[in-house]
Amino acid sequence: MSRTLLIPDPLSLLIPWTSPLGGLVTSGFWGGVICINMAHNQDFIFPSILLALTWVGSYLRGSLPLLWMKADVSVSRSAST
């Protein structure tokens, strides 16, 4: 079952429209792998390298619109009045 859940992850990285979400999901996956390896006192250097490569690849591809989103200032101002 876990293999079925992992199929959309690389596909979302390949499609330009969904690549920001794919980078986020892939980062979460590698973060989980690192946590599991740390909990079992195993080496976590290789998953950390893959996590860094995921972020570098997302940066080089220009998949950072999730970081550029800004909160709507007009909504927060109208709520305070």
PDB file of N, CA and C in Angstrom:
ATOM      1  N   MET A   1       0.812  -1.187   0.000  1.00  0.00           N
ATOM      2  CA  MET A   1       0.000   0.000   0.000  1.00  0.00           C
ATOM      3  C   MET A   1       0.859   1.256   0.000  1.00  0.00           C
ATOM      4  N   SER A   2       2.003   1.239   0.661  1.00  0.00           N
ATOM      5  CA  SER A   2       2.835   2.438   0.720  1.00  0.00           C
ATOM      6  C   SER A   2       3.402   2.787  -0.651  1.00  0.00           C
ATOM      7  N   ARG A   3       3.608   1.791  -1.504  1.00  0.00           N
ATOM      8  CA  ARG A   3       4.099   2.084  -2.853  1.00  0.00           C
ATOM      9  C   ARG A   3       3.055   2.854  -3.655  1.00  0.00           C
ATOM     10  N   THR A   4       1.806   2.536  -3.445  1.00  0.00           N
ATOM     11  CA  THR A   4       0.733   3.243  -4.142  1.00  0.00           C
ATOM     12  C   THR A   4       0.686   4.705  -3.723  1.00  0.00           C
ATOM     13  N   LEU A   5       0.944   4.980  -2.460  1.00  0.00           N
ATOM     14  CA  LEU A   5       0.916   6.354  -1.976  1.00  0.00           C
ATOM     15  C   LEU A   5       2.101   7.166  -2.470  1.00  0.00           C
ATOM     16  N   LEU A   6       3.199   6.513  -2.821  1.00  0.00           N
ATOM     17  CA  LEU A   6       4.392   7.229  -3.255  1.00  0.00           C
ATOM     18  C   LEU A   6       4.396   7.549  -4.744  1.00  0.00           C
ATOM     19  N   ILE A   7       3.508   6.965  -5.520  1.00  0.00           N
ATOM     20  CA  ILE A   7       3.492   7.193  -6.969  1.00  0.00           C
ATOM     21  C   ILE A   7       3.166   8.648  -7.318  1.00  0.00           C
ATOM     22  N   PRO A   8       2.185   9.303  -6.695  1.00  0.00           N
ATOM     23  CA  PRO A   8       1.885  10.691  -7.086  1.00  0.00           C
ATOM     24  C   PRO A   8       2.991  11.678  -6.747  1.00  0.00           C
ATOM     25  N   ASP A   9       3.853  11.345  -5.803  1.00  0.00           N
ATOM     26  CA  ASP A   9       4.889  12.267  -5.379  1.00  0.00           C
ATOM     27  C   ASP A   9       5.871  12.621  -6.498  1.00  0.00           C
ATOM     28  N   PRO A  10       6.531  11.653  -7.157  1.00  0.00           N
ATOM     29  CA  PRO A  10       7.431  12.038  -8.251  1.00  0.00           C
ATOM     30  C   PRO A  10       6.683  12.603  -9.458  1.00  0.00           C
ATOM     31  N   LEU A  11       5.449  12.152  -9.665  1.00  0.00           N
ATOM     32  CA  LEU A  11       4.672  12.698 -10.783  1.00  0.00           C
ATOM     33  C   LEU A  11       4.351  14.167 -10.556  1.00  0.00           C
ATOM     34  N   SER A  12       4.086  14.540  -9.317  1.00  0.00           N
ATOM     35  CA  SER A  12       3.776  15.940  -9.041  1.00  0.00           C
ATOM     36  C   SER A  12       5.014  16.825  -9.194  1.00  0.00           C
ATOM     37  N   LEU A  13       6.194  16.252  -9.056  1.00  0.00           N
ATOM     38  CA  LEU A  13       7.416  17.028  -9.297  1.00  0.00           C
ATOM     39  C   LEU A  13       7.649  17.260 -10.789  1.00  0.00           C
ATOM     40  N   LEU A  14       7.187  16.357 -11.628  1.00  0.00           N
ATOM     41  CA  LEU A  14       7.426  16.473 -13.059  1.00  0.00           C
ATOM     42  C   LEU A  14       6.477  17.438 -13.754  1.00  0.00           C
ATOM     43  N   ILE A  15       5.282  17.591 -13.240  1.00  0.00           N
ATOM     44  CA  ILE A  15       4.295  18.481 -13.847  1.00  0.00           C
ATOM     45  C   ILE A  15       4.566  19.902 -13.343  1.00  0.00           C
ATOM     46  N   PRO A  16       4.824  20.861 -14.239  1.00  0.00           N
ATOM     47  CA  PRO A  16       5.187  22.218 -13.782  1.00  0.00           C
ATOM     48  C   PRO A  16       4.137  22.876 -12.888  1.00  0.00           C
ATOM     49  N   TRP A  17       2.866  22.630 -13.148  1.00  0.00           N
ATOM     50  CA  TRP A  17       1.811  23.272 -12.370  1.00  0.00           C
ATOM     51  C   TRP A  17       1.794  22.783 -10.926  1.00  0.00           C
ATOM     52  N   THR A  18       2.168  21.537 -10.695  1.00  0.00           N
ATOM     53  CA  THR A  18       2.104  20.964  -9.351  1.00  0.00           C
ATOM     54  C   THR A  18       3.475  20.786  -8.710  1.00  0.00           C
ATOM     55  N   SER A  19       4.530  21.276  -9.345  1.00  0.00           N
ATOM     56  CA  SER A  19       5.863  21.055  -8.795  1.00  0.00           C
ATOM     57  C   SER A  19       6.100  21.723  -7.438  1.00  0.00           C
ATOM     58  N   PRO A  20       5.512  22.898  -7.120  1.00  0.00           N
ATOM     59  CA  PRO A  20       5.697  23.406  -5.752  1.00  0.00           C
ATOM     60  C   PRO A  20       5.107  22.476  -4.699  1.00  0.00           C
ATOM     61  N   LEU A  21       3.938  21.936  -4.975  1.00  0.00           N
ATOM     62  CA  LEU A  21       3.332  20.990  -4.050  1.00  0.00           C
ATOM     63  C   LEU A  21       4.150  19.701  -3.984  1.00  0.00           C
ATOM     64  N   GLY A  22       4.661  19.254  -5.116  1.00  0.00           N
ATOM     65  CA  GLY A  22       5.495  18.051  -5.140  1.00  0.00           C
ATOM     66  C   GLY A  22       6.762  18.222  -4.320  1.00  0.00           C
ATOM     67  N   GLY A  23       7.364  19.399  -4.393  1.00  0.00           N
ATOM     68  CA  GLY A  23       8.554  19.659  -3.581  1.00  0.00           C
ATOM     69  C   GLY A  23       8.241  19.644  -2.099  1.00  0.00           C
ATOM     70  N   LEU A  24       7.085  20.175  -1.744  1.00  0.00           N
ATOM     71  CA  LEU A  24       6.670  20.186  -0.346  1.00  0.00           C
ATOM     72  C   LEU A  24       6.391  18.772   0.159  1.00  0.00           C
ATOM     73  N   VAL A  25       5.698  17.982  -0.634  1.00  0.00           N
ATOM     74  CA  VAL A  25       5.375  16.603  -0.232  1.00  0.00           C
ATOM     75  C   VAL A  25       6.642  15.754  -0.175  1.00  0.00           C
ATOM     76  N   THR A  26       7.538  15.949  -1.138  1.00  0.00           N
ATOM     77  CA  THR A  26       8.792  15.192  -1.135  1.00  0.00           C
ATOM     78  C   THR A  26       9.647  15.562   0.072  1.00  0.00           C
ATOM     79  N   SER A  27       9.659  16.839   0.429  1.00  0.00           N
ATOM     80  CA  SER A  27      10.408  17.258   1.617  1.00  0.00           C
ATOM     81  C   SER A  27       9.833  16.616   2.873  1.00  0.00           C
ATOM     82  N   GLY A  28       8.517  16.549   2.950  1.00  0.00           N
ATOM     83  CA  GLY A  28       7.890  15.883   4.084  1.00  0.00           C
ATOM     84  C   GLY A  28       8.224  14.405   4.150  1.00  0.00           C
ATOM     85  N   PHE A  29       8.278  13.780   2.975  1.00  0.00           N
ATOM     86  CA  PHE A  29       8.635  12.360   2.930  1.00  0.00           C
ATOM     87  C   PHE A  29      10.061  12.145   3.445  1.00  0.00           C
ATOM     88  N   TRP A  30      11.012  12.946   2.938  1.00  0.00           N
ATOM     89  CA  TRP A  30      12.403  12.775   3.376  1.00  0.00           C
ATOM     90  C   TRP A  30      12.565  13.141   4.843  1.00  0.00           C
ATOM     91  N   GLY A  31      11.796  14.124   5.322  1.00  0.00           N
ATOM     92  CA  GLY A  31      11.825  14.444   6.747  1.00  0.00           C
ATOM     93  C   GLY A  31      11.341  13.276   7.597  1.00  0.00           C
ATOM     94  N   GLY A  32      10.309  12.585   7.132  1.00  0.00           N
ATOM     95  CA  GLY A  32       9.839  11.398   7.843  1.00  0.00           C
ATOM     96  C   GLY A  32      10.851  10.272   7.846  1.00  0.00           C
ATOM     97  N   VAL A  33      11.530  10.096   6.710  1.00  0.00           N
ATOM     98  CA  VAL A  33      12.578   9.070   6.638  1.00  0.00           C
ATOM     99  C   VAL A  33      13.702   9.393   7.610  1.00  0.00           C
ATOM    100  N   ILE A  34      14.075  10.671   7.696  1.00  0.00           N
ATOM    101  CA  ILE A  34      15.137  11.075   8.620  1.00  0.00           C
ATOM    102  C   ILE A  34      14.714  10.816  10.064  1.00  0.00           C
ATOM    103  N   CYS A  35      13.470  11.147  10.402  1.00  0.00           N
ATOM    104  CA  CYS A  35      12.980  10.923  11.771  1.00  0.00           C
ATOM    105  C   CYS A  35      12.954   9.441  12.135  1.00  0.00           C
ATOM    106  N   ILE A  36      12.527   8.612  11.212  1.00  0.00           N
ATOM    107  CA  ILE A  36      12.489   7.176  11.476  1.00  0.00           C
ATOM    108  C   ILE A  36      13.897   6.630  11.656  1.00  0.00           C
ATOM    109  N   ASN A  37      14.824   7.066  10.802  1.00  0.00           N
ATOM    110  CA  ASN A  37      16.209   6.603  10.945  1.00  0.00           C
ATOM    111  C   ASN A  37      16.816   7.066  12.266  1.00  0.00           C
ATOM    112  N   MET A  38      16.505   8.284  12.676  1.00  0.00           N
ATOM    113  CA  MET A  38      17.024   8.769  13.965  1.00  0.00           C
ATOM    114  C   MET A  38      16.414   8.000  15.131  1.00  0.00           C
ATOM    115  N   ALA A  39      15.140   7.652  15.040  1.00  0.00           N
ATOM    116  CA  ALA A  39      14.481   6.910  16.116  1.00  0.00           C
ATOM    117  C   ALA A  39      15.061   5.508  16.277  1.00  0.00           C
ATOM    118  N   HIS A  40      15.553   4.943  15.170  1.00  0.00           N
ATOM    119  CA  HIS A  40      16.125   3.596  15.207  1.00  0.00           C
ATOM    120  C   HIS A  40      17.645   3.628  15.300  1.00  0.00           C
ATOM    121  N   ASN A  41      18.215   4.786  15.602  1.00  0.00           N
ATOM    122  CA  ASN A  41      19.666   4.964  15.726  1.00  0.00           C
ATOM    123  C   ASN A  41      20.415   4.499  14.480  1.00  0.00           C
ATOM    124  N   GLN A  42      19.858   4.824  13.318  1.00  0.00           N
ATOM    125  CA  GLN A  42      20.492   4.480  12.056  1.00  0.00           C
ATOM    126  C   GLN A  42      21.069   5.746  11.425  1.00  0.00           C
ATOM    127  N   ASP A  43      21.890   5.544  10.428  1.00  0.00           N
ATOM    128  CA  ASP A  43      22.514   6.666   9.737  1.00  0.00           C
ATOM    129  C   ASP A  43      21.454   7.439   8.946  1.00  0.00           C
ATOM    130  N   PHE A  44      21.445   8.749   9.074  1.00  0.00           N
ATOM    131  CA  PHE A  44      20.461   9.574   8.375  1.00  0.00           C
ATOM    132  C   PHE A  44      21.117  10.581   7.433  1.00  0.00           C
ATOM    133  N   ILE A  45      22.381  10.355   7.108  1.00  0.00           N
ATOM    134  CA  ILE A  45      23.100  11.273   6.217  1.00  0.00           C
ATOM    135  C   ILE A  45      22.557  11.194   4.791  1.00  0.00           C
ATOM    136  N   PHE A  46      22.349   9.995   4.281  1.00  0.00           N
ATOM    137  CA  PHE A  46      21.885   9.845   2.895  1.00  0.00           C
ATOM    138  C   PHE A  46      20.500  10.469   2.683  1.00  0.00           C
ATOM    139  N   PRO A  47      19.510  10.215   3.564  1.00  0.00           N
ATOM    140  CA  PRO A  47      18.223  10.911   3.372  1.00  0.00           C
ATOM    141  C   PRO A  47      18.354  12.431   3.506  1.00  0.00           C
ATOM    142  N   SER A  48      19.278  12.893   4.343  1.00  0.00           N
ATOM    143  CA  SER A  48      19.484  14.336   4.479  1.00  0.00           C
ATOM    144  C   SER A  48      20.037  14.933   3.190  1.00  0.00           C
ATOM    145  N   ILE A  49      20.915  14.200   2.536  1.00  0.00           N
ATOM    146  CA  ILE A  49      21.457  14.658   1.254  1.00  0.00           C
ATOM    147  C   ILE A  49      20.344  14.706   0.210  1.00  0.00           C
ATOM    148  N   LEU A  50      19.493  13.687   0.201  1.00  0.00           N
ATOM    149  CA  LEU A  50      18.381  13.682  -0.749  1.00  0.00           C
ATOM    150  C   LEU A  50      17.395  14.812  -0.463  1.00  0.00           C
ATOM    151  N   LEU A  51      17.188  15.141   0.803  1.00  0.00           N
ATOM    152  CA  LEU A  51      16.332  16.276   1.150  1.00  0.00           C
ATOM    153  C   LEU A  51      16.940  17.579   0.649  1.00  0.00           C
ATOM    154  N   ALA A  52      18.243  17.731   0.838  1.00  0.00           N
ATOM    155  CA  ALA A  52      18.915  18.942   0.343  1.00  0.00           C
ATOM    156  C   ALA A  52      18.844  19.020  -1.182  1.00  0.00           C
ATOM    157  N   LEU A  53      19.002  17.890  -1.851  1.00  0.00           N
ATOM    158  CA  LEU A  53      18.896  17.883  -3.312  1.00  0.00           C
ATOM    159  C   LEU A  53      17.479  18.224  -3.774  1.00  0.00           C
ATOM    160  N   THR A  54      16.481  17.803  -3.010  1.00  0.00           N
ATOM    161  CA  THR A  54      15.099  18.157  -3.338  1.00  0.00           C
ATOM    162  C   THR A  54      14.908  19.664  -3.285  1.00  0.00           C
ATOM    163  N   TRP A  55      15.437  20.299  -2.228  1.00  0.00           N
ATOM    164  CA  TRP A  55      15.295  21.746  -2.097  1.00  0.00           C
ATOM    165  C   TRP A  55      16.099  22.495  -3.151  1.00  0.00           C
ATOM    166  N   VAL A  56      17.315  22.026  -3.441  1.00  0.00           N
ATOM    167  CA  VAL A  56      18.127  22.672  -4.476  1.00  0.00           C
ATOM    168  C   VAL A  56      17.448  22.530  -5.834  1.00  0.00           C
ATOM    169  N   GLY A  57      16.922  21.346  -6.122  1.00  0.00           N
ATOM    170  CA  GLY A  57      16.226  21.130  -7.390  1.00  0.00           C
ATOM    171  C   GLY A  57      14.982  21.994  -7.514  1.00  0.00           C
ATOM    172  N   SER A  58      14.241  22.133  -6.412  1.00  0.00           N
ATOM    173  CA  SER A  58      13.050  22.985  -6.445  1.00  0.00           C
ATOM    174  C   SER A  58      13.432  24.449  -6.652  1.00  0.00           C
ATOM    175  N   TYR A  59      14.519  24.862  -6.033  1.00  0.00           N
ATOM    176  CA  TYR A  59      14.978  26.247  -6.198  1.00  0.00           C
ATOM    177  C   TYR A  59      15.429  26.510  -7.628  1.00  0.00           C
ATOM    178  N   LEU A  60      16.215  25.593  -8.174  1.00  0.00           N
ATOM    179  CA  LEU A  60      16.719  25.782  -9.535  1.00  0.00           C
ATOM    180  C   LEU A  60      15.611  25.723 -10.568  1.00  0.00           C
ATOM    181  N   ARG A  61      14.575  24.968 -10.281  1.00  0.00           N
ATOM    182  CA  ARG A  61      13.460  24.880 -11.222  1.00  0.00           C
ATOM    183  C   ARG A  61      12.537  26.091 -11.118  1.00  0.00           C
ATOM    184  N   GLY A  62      12.643  26.819 -10.029  1.00  0.00           N
ATOM    185  CA  GLY A  62      11.789  27.982  -9.831  1.00  0.00           C
ATOM    186  C   GLY A  62      10.462  27.622  -9.222  1.00  0.00           C
ATOM    187  N   SER A  63      10.437  26.586  -8.412  1.00  0.00           N
ATOM    188  CA  SER A  63       9.193  26.098  -7.820  1.00  0.00           C
ATOM    189  C   SER A  63       8.998  26.648  -6.417  1.00  0.00           C
ATOM    190  N   LEU A  64       9.120  27.938  -6.251  1.00  0.00           N
ATOM    191  CA  LEU A  64       8.988  28.497  -4.922  1.00  0.00           C
ATOM    192  C   LEU A  64       7.789  29.425  -4.744  1.00  0.00           C
ATOM    193  N   PRO A  65       6.717  29.307  -5.525  1.00  0.00           N
ATOM    194  CA  PRO A  65       5.585  30.203  -5.302  1.00  0.00           C
ATOM    195  C   PRO A  65       4.942  30.043  -3.933  1.00  0.00           C
ATOM    196  N   LEU A  66       5.105  28.887  -3.298  1.00  0.00           N
ATOM    197  CA  LEU A  66       4.533  28.706  -1.973  1.00  0.00           C
ATOM    198  C   LEU A  66       5.194  29.632  -0.959  1.00  0.00           C
ATOM    199  N   LEU A  67       6.464  29.969  -1.171  1.00  0.00           N
ATOM    200  CA  LEU A  67       7.160  30.866  -0.262  1.00  0.00           C
ATOM    201  C   LEU A  67       6.830  32.325  -0.548  1.00  0.00           C
ATOM    202  N   TRP A  68       6.340  32.624  -1.723  1.00  0.00           N
ATOM    203  CA  TRP A  68       6.081  34.001  -2.114  1.00  0.00           C
ATOM    204  C   TRP A  68       4.672  34.466  -1.804  1.00  0.00           C
ATOM    205  N   MET A  69       3.826  33.575  -1.296  1.00  0.00           N
ATOM    206  CA  MET A  69       2.449  33.962  -0.989  1.00  0.00           C
ATOM    207  C   MET A  69       2.442  34.927   0.196  1.00  0.00           C
ATOM    208  N   LYS A  70       1.627  35.965   0.080  1.00  0.00           N
ATOM    209  CA  LYS A  70       1.506  36.946   1.154  1.00  0.00           C
ATOM    210  C   LYS A  70       0.068  36.951   1.652  1.00  0.00           C
ATOM    211  N   ALA A  71      -0.080  37.221   2.930  1.00  0.00           N
ATOM    212  CA  ALA A  71      -1.414  37.306   3.506  1.00  0.00           C
ATOM    213  C   ALA A  71      -2.086  38.578   3.002  1.00  0.00           C
ATOM    214  N   ASP A  72      -3.385  38.521   2.860  1.00  0.00           N
ATOM    215  CA  ASP A  72      -4.150  39.674   2.422  1.00  0.00           C
ATOM    216  C   ASP A  72      -4.247  40.663   3.581  1.00  0.00           C
ATOM    217  N   VAL A  73      -3.603  41.814   3.454  1.00  0.00           N
ATOM    218  CA  VAL A  73      -3.525  42.790   4.530  1.00  0.00           C
ATOM    219  C   VAL A  73      -4.891  43.432   4.757  1.00  0.00           C
ATOM    220  N   SER A  74      -5.679  43.606   3.731  1.00  0.00           N
ATOM    221  CA  SER A  74      -6.971  44.270   3.879  1.00  0.00           C
ATOM    222  C   SER A  74      -7.927  43.463   4.758  1.00  0.00           C
ATOM    223  N   VAL A  75      -7.817  42.161   4.732  1.00  0.00           N
ATOM    224  CA  VAL A  75      -8.689  41.327   5.559  1.00  0.00           C
ATOM    225  C   VAL A  75      -8.340  41.513   7.020  1.00  0.00           C
ATOM    226  N   SER A  76      -7.045  41.536   7.358  1.00  0.00           N
ATOM    227  CA  SER A  76      -6.658  41.680   8.764  1.00  0.00           C
ATOM    228  C   SER A  76      -6.977  43.076   9.275  1.00  0.00           C
ATOM    229  N   ARG A  77      -6.922  44.111   8.428  1.00  0.00           N
ATOM    230  CA  ARG A  77      -7.251  45.460   8.872  1.00  0.00           C
ATOM    231  C   ARG A  77      -8.754  45.615   9.113  1.00  0.00           C
ATOM    232  N   SER A  78      -9.567  45.022   8.235  1.00  0.00           N
ATOM    233  CA  SER A  78     -11.012  45.164   8.410  1.00  0.00           C
ATOM    234  C   SER A  78     -11.511  44.355   9.605  1.00  0.00           C
ATOM    235  N   ALA A  79     -10.826  43.312   9.968  1.00  0.00           N
ATOM    236  CA  ALA A  79     -11.245  42.504  11.114  1.00  0.00           C
ATOM    237  C   ALA A  79     -10.968  43.224  12.431  1.00  0.00           C
ATOM    238  N   SER A  80      -9.962  44.094  12.464  1.00  0.00           N
ATOM    239  CA  SER A  80      -9.616  44.777  13.689  1.00  0.00           C
ATOM    240  C   SER A  80     -10.476  46.007  13.938  1.00  0.00           C
ATOM    241  N   THR A  81     -11.222  46.482  12.930  1.00  0.00           N
ATOM    242  CA  THR A  81     -12.044  47.676  13.110  1.00  0.00           C
ATOM    243  C   THR A  81     -13.449  47.326  13.505  1.00  0.00           C
TER     244      THR A  81
END
